[in-house]
């Protein structure tokens, strides 16, 4: 399929609290030039109504974020994604305590339990992924938590790499995309969807989120790696709330298109 840029709806979470808000927000995103969204952080809304709004506004649901509890409710999870025409879902992450994160067995245990869920849903046509933050790059017995997840997860599990959070941890987003992309099985990507956002450094030497192309990440390298890894969806996100979210999404979209994405 052609590359599509999507908006991660967590960015506009304060504007999706009611079905009317959702419809208005989707219209604004479509008029801005987005063709897809990641469904996340919506207020109460009937699934059929969400599906109708997506159709009416001409938007594709590229991927969702749902809880592990919802994934464990197999039929409910499958029905939801079938109704909104979405074949990818991901969890927001695994969040062990500081003490738990230091024990590799906890990462291995999560990878095993998550893989079991992914296999069940995958057999029914729903592809299950994992979204990272920065704590996955914590050193765990001379390895990183992210390495353990990658090594111990079933090949059906894909990774929704977040460029900002990898950089926040001191990692190289392009290198990690290449590393995960090299684990492709049977021609299918383990990186069908990624989160794209930039990082700058403030005068106080603090890491800060910013719009794609407005910070210090090496986007030519990141996008080249993403192409090699067969990324299908580039989901734009800014989750810190320090800027008007629609303006943030507009700037990132404009810059990604200037970089050659469509």
Protein backbone atom coordinates (compact mmCIF):
# COMPACT_ATOMS: atom_id res chain seq x y z
CA UNK A 1 0.00 0.00 0.00
CA UNK A 2 1.05 3.62 -0.40
CA UNK A 3 2.55 5.33 2.62
CA UNK A 4 -0.05 7.21 4.63
CA UNK A 5 0.50 9.82 7.34
CA UNK A 6 -1.95 9.60 10.21
CA UNK A 7 -2.74 11.60 13.34
CA UNK A 8 -2.44 9.92 16.74
CA UNK A 9 -5.66 11.03 18.44
CA UNK A 10 -4.04 11.16 21.87
CA UNK A 11 -2.63 14.47 20.63
CA UNK A 12 -6.15 15.94 20.50
CA UNK A 13 -7.56 14.05 23.50
CA UNK A 14 -9.14 17.21 24.92
CA UNK A 15 -11.20 17.53 21.74
CA UNK A 16 -12.59 13.99 21.54
CA UNK A 17 -14.62 13.73 24.74
CA UNK A 18 -18.07 13.41 23.11
CA UNK A 19 -19.28 11.96 19.79
CA UNK A 20 -19.92 15.51 18.55
CA UNK A 21 -16.34 16.44 19.50
CA UNK A 22 -15.03 13.39 17.67
CA UNK A 23 -16.90 14.27 14.48
CA UNK A 24 -15.71 17.89 14.58
CA UNK A 25 -12.12 16.87 15.28
CA UNK A 26 -12.09 14.27 12.52
CA UNK A 27 -13.39 16.88 10.08
CA UNK A 28 -10.64 19.31 11.07
CA UNK A 29 -7.97 16.64 10.61
CA UNK A 30 -9.28 15.62 7.21
CA UNK A 31 -9.45 19.25 6.06
CA UNK A 32 -5.88 19.68 7.30
CA UNK A 33 -4.78 16.87 4.99
CA UNK A 34 -4.73 13.76 7.16
CA UNK A 35 -6.12 10.59 5.65
CA UNK A 36 -5.83 8.36 8.69
CA UNK A 37 -5.95 8.35 12.47
CA UNK A 38 -4.85 6.21 15.35
CA UNK A 39 -7.91 5.76 17.52
CA UNK A 40 -6.88 6.45 21.09
CA UNK A 41 -8.09 8.37 24.15
CA UNK A 42 -11.66 8.89 22.97
CA UNK A 43 -14.48 9.67 25.36
CA UNK A 44 -17.52 7.37 25.53
CA UNK A 45 -18.74 6.61 22.02
CA UNK A 46 -20.69 3.73 20.51
CA UNK A 47 -18.59 1.65 18.15
CA UNK A 48 -21.14 1.90 15.36
CA UNK A 49 -21.17 5.69 15.70
CA UNK A 50 -17.38 5.84 15.61
CA UNK A 51 -17.37 3.71 12.46
CA UNK A 52 -19.94 6.02 10.86
CA UNK A 53 -17.94 9.15 11.71
CA UNK A 54 -14.82 7.60 10.19
CA UNK A 55 -16.73 6.82 7.00
CA UNK A 56 -18.48 10.19 6.86
CA UNK A 57 -15.23 12.10 7.30
CA UNK A 58 -13.29 9.90 4.89
CA UNK A 59 -10.70 8.76 7.40
CA UNK A 60 -9.06 5.36 7.80
CA UNK A 61 -8.37 3.91 11.21
CA UNK A 62 -4.75 2.87 10.76
CA UNK A 63 -4.26 1.44 14.25
CA UNK A 64 -5.65 1.64 17.76
CA UNK A 65 -4.32 1.74 21.27
CA UNK A 66 -6.31 -0.52 23.58
CA UNK A 67 -5.75 -2.00 27.00
CA UNK A 68 -4.52 -5.51 27.74
CA UNK A 69 -7.88 -6.20 29.37
CA UNK A 70 -9.66 -5.40 26.12
CA UNK A 71 -7.25 -7.61 24.19
CA UNK A 72 -7.98 -10.45 26.56
CA UNK A 73 -11.70 -10.09 25.77
CA UNK A 74 -11.07 -11.63 22.37
CA UNK A 75 -14.53 -11.38 20.83
CA UNK A 76 -15.10 -7.82 22.01
CA UNK A 77 -11.71 -6.75 20.72
CA UNK A 78 -12.19 -8.41 17.35
CA UNK A 79 -15.71 -7.05 16.91
CA UNK A 80 -14.54 -3.53 17.71
CA UNK A 81 -11.70 -3.56 15.19
CA UNK A 82 -13.77 -5.21 12.51
CA UNK A 83 -16.46 -2.56 12.92
CA UNK A 84 -14.01 0.31 12.43
CA UNK A 85 -12.09 -1.44 9.66
CA UNK A 86 -8.77 -1.66 11.50
CA UNK A 87 -6.29 -4.54 11.36
CA UNK A 88 -3.62 -3.19 13.76
CA UNK A 89 -3.75 -2.58 17.49
CA UNK A 90 -1.13 -1.92 20.14
CA UNK A 91 -0.78 -1.52 23.87
CA UNK A 92 0.63 1.71 25.23
CA UNK A 93 3.46 -0.13 26.97
CA UNK A 94 4.59 -2.30 29.86
CA UNK A 95 5.18 -0.22 32.98
CA UNK A 96 7.04 -2.15 35.68
CA UNK A 97 8.16 -0.50 38.89
CA UNK A 98 11.81 0.49 39.18
CA UNK A 99 12.54 -2.68 41.13
CA UNK A 100 10.60 -4.87 38.67
CA UNK A 101 12.33 -3.29 35.66
CA UNK A 102 15.72 -4.39 37.01
CA UNK A 103 14.77 -8.06 36.81
CA UNK A 104 14.92 -9.55 33.29
CA UNK A 105 12.40 -12.22 34.29
CA UNK A 106 9.68 -9.58 34.50
CA UNK A 107 10.34 -8.45 30.92
CA UNK A 108 10.43 -12.06 29.79
CA UNK A 109 7.19 -12.81 31.62
CA UNK A 110 5.43 -9.88 29.98
CA UNK A 111 6.75 -10.89 26.54
CA UNK A 112 5.42 -14.41 27.04
CA UNK A 113 1.99 -13.32 28.27
CA UNK A 114 1.66 -10.66 25.59
CA UNK A 115 2.71 -13.10 22.89
CA UNK A 116 -0.02 -15.50 23.93
CA UNK A 117 -2.61 -12.74 23.50
CA UNK A 118 -1.09 -11.70 20.16
CA UNK A 119 -1.25 -15.25 18.81
CA UNK A 120 -4.93 -15.61 19.65
CA UNK A 121 -5.90 -12.31 18.05
CA UNK A 122 -3.50 -12.78 15.17
CA UNK A 123 -5.14 -16.07 14.25
CA UNK A 124 -8.36 -14.09 13.83
CA UNK A 125 -6.80 -11.40 11.66
CA UNK A 126 -5.94 -8.68 14.18
CA UNK A 127 -2.23 -7.85 14.37
CA UNK A 128 -1.00 -6.93 17.86
CA UNK A 129 1.87 -4.58 18.62
CA UNK A 130 3.79 -2.90 21.44
CA UNK A 131 4.39 0.86 21.82
CA UNK A 132 7.51 2.00 23.64
CA UNK A 133 8.45 4.89 25.87
CA UNK A 134 12.00 5.50 27.12
CA UNK A 135 12.15 3.11 30.07
CA UNK A 136 12.37 0.12 27.70
CA UNK A 137 16.01 1.08 27.13
CA UNK A 138 16.86 0.57 30.79
CA UNK A 139 19.86 -1.71 31.31
CA UNK A 140 18.69 -5.08 32.60
CA UNK A 141 21.47 -7.58 33.34
CA UNK A 142 23.66 -6.16 30.54
CA UNK A 143 20.73 -6.02 28.14
CA UNK A 144 17.94 -3.53 27.56
CA UNK A 145 14.32 -4.21 28.33
CA UNK A 146 13.48 -3.48 24.68
CA UNK A 147 15.97 -6.11 23.54
CA UNK A 148 14.34 -8.68 25.80
CA UNK A 149 10.89 -7.83 24.43
CA UNK A 150 12.16 -8.10 20.86
CA UNK A 151 13.97 -11.37 21.47
CA UNK A 152 11.35 -13.09 23.60
CA UNK A 153 8.16 -11.96 21.87
CA UNK A 154 6.44 -14.13 19.31
CA UNK A 155 7.35 -13.08 15.73
CA UNK A 156 3.72 -12.08 15.22
CA UNK A 157 4.16 -9.21 17.71
CA UNK A 158 5.04 -5.95 15.97
CA UNK A 159 6.60 -2.83 17.47
CA UNK A 160 5.10 0.65 17.27
CA UNK A 161 8.41 2.42 17.68
CA UNK A 162 8.16 5.97 19.02
CA UNK A 163 10.98 8.12 17.65
CA UNK A 164 10.89 10.69 20.44
CA UNK A 165 10.94 8.22 23.30
CA UNK A 166 13.81 6.24 21.78
CA UNK A 167 15.82 9.46 21.48
CA UNK A 168 14.73 10.51 24.98
CA UNK A 169 16.44 7.36 26.27
CA UNK A 170 19.63 8.16 24.37
CA UNK A 171 18.88 5.68 21.61
CA UNK A 172 19.13 6.10 17.84
CA UNK A 173 15.63 5.79 16.30
CA UNK A 174 16.99 4.89 12.85
CA UNK A 175 19.26 2.18 14.29
CA UNK A 176 16.40 0.67 16.26
CA UNK A 177 14.13 0.75 13.22
CA UNK A 178 16.82 -1.11 11.27
CA UNK A 179 17.28 -3.60 14.09
CA UNK A 180 13.58 -4.38 14.43
CA UNK A 181 13.10 -4.31 10.67
CA UNK A 182 15.75 -6.99 10.29
CA UNK A 183 13.48 -9.41 12.17
CA UNK A 184 10.88 -9.43 9.37
CA UNK A 185 9.24 -12.84 9.05
CA UNK A 186 7.62 -14.22 5.90
CA UNK A 187 7.71 -10.85 4.18
CA UNK A 188 5.62 -9.03 6.80
CA UNK A 189 6.98 -6.04 8.69
CA UNK A 190 7.37 -5.92 12.44
CA UNK A 191 7.09 -2.15 12.09
CA UNK A 192 3.87 -1.51 10.15
CA UNK A 193 3.17 1.60 12.24
CA UNK A 194 5.50 4.04 13.97
CA UNK A 195 5.02 7.21 16.01
CA UNK A 196 6.83 10.24 14.61
CA UNK A 197 7.69 13.23 16.75
CA UNK A 198 10.83 15.25 17.23
CA UNK A 199 12.97 16.24 20.21
CA UNK A 200 14.75 19.47 21.02
CA UNK A 201 16.86 20.58 23.94
CA UNK A 202 15.83 23.66 25.93
CA UNK A 203 18.20 26.32 27.23
CA UNK A 204 17.94 24.51 30.57
CA UNK A 205 19.24 21.36 28.84
CA UNK A 206 15.90 19.58 29.19
CA UNK A 207 14.58 17.20 26.54
CA UNK A 208 11.36 18.43 25.01
CA UNK A 209 8.90 17.15 22.42
CA UNK A 210 8.39 19.19 19.30
CA UNK A 211 7.00 18.92 15.79
CA UNK A 212 8.62 16.69 13.19
CA UNK A 213 11.41 18.64 11.53
CA UNK A 214 11.58 21.25 14.28
CA UNK A 215 14.05 19.43 16.53
CA UNK A 216 17.30 17.52 16.43
CA UNK A 217 16.36 14.06 15.13
CA UNK A 218 17.97 12.99 11.87
CA UNK A 219 14.84 12.60 9.76
CA UNK A 220 16.53 11.57 6.50
CA UNK A 221 18.06 8.60 8.35
CA UNK A 222 14.83 7.81 10.21
CA UNK A 223 12.70 7.88 7.06
CA UNK A 224 15.22 5.87 5.06
CA UNK A 225 15.25 3.22 7.79
CA UNK A 226 11.46 3.24 7.93
CA UNK A 227 11.28 2.64 4.20
CA UNK A 228 13.65 -0.32 4.50
CA UNK A 229 11.51 -1.70 7.33
CA UNK A 230 8.35 -1.46 5.18
CA UNK A 231 6.56 0.98 7.50
CA UNK A 232 3.00 1.50 6.29
CA UNK A 233 1.70 4.18 8.64
CA UNK A 234 3.48 7.21 10.10
CA UNK A 235 1.45 8.42 13.09
CA UNK A 236 2.11 11.99 14.15
CA UNK A 237 1.86 12.64 17.86
CA UNK A 238 2.67 15.24 20.47
CA UNK A 239 1.56 14.19 23.92
CA UNK A 240 2.90 16.89 26.23
CA UNK A 241 0.12 19.43 25.58
CA UNK A 242 2.49 22.41 25.41
CA UNK A 243 1.21 23.65 22.05
CA UNK A 244 -2.14 23.93 20.31
CA UNK A 245 -2.53 20.29 19.21
CA UNK A 246 -4.06 21.06 15.83
CA UNK A 247 -1.30 23.50 14.98
CA UNK A 248 1.23 20.90 16.11
CA UNK A 249 -0.31 18.27 13.84
CA UNK A 250 -0.43 20.75 10.96
CA UNK A 251 3.26 21.64 11.24
CA UNK A 252 4.39 18.02 11.44
CA UNK A 253 2.23 17.05 8.47
CA UNK A 254 3.56 19.95 6.41
CA UNK A 255 7.16 19.04 7.25
CA UNK A 256 6.71 15.33 6.56
CA UNK A 257 5.24 16.12 3.16
CA UNK A 258 8.17 18.43 2.46
CA UNK A 259 10.42 15.45 3.26
CA UNK A 260 8.68 13.43 0.56
CA UNK A 261 6.03 11.51 2.48
CA UNK A 262 2.47 11.57 1.22
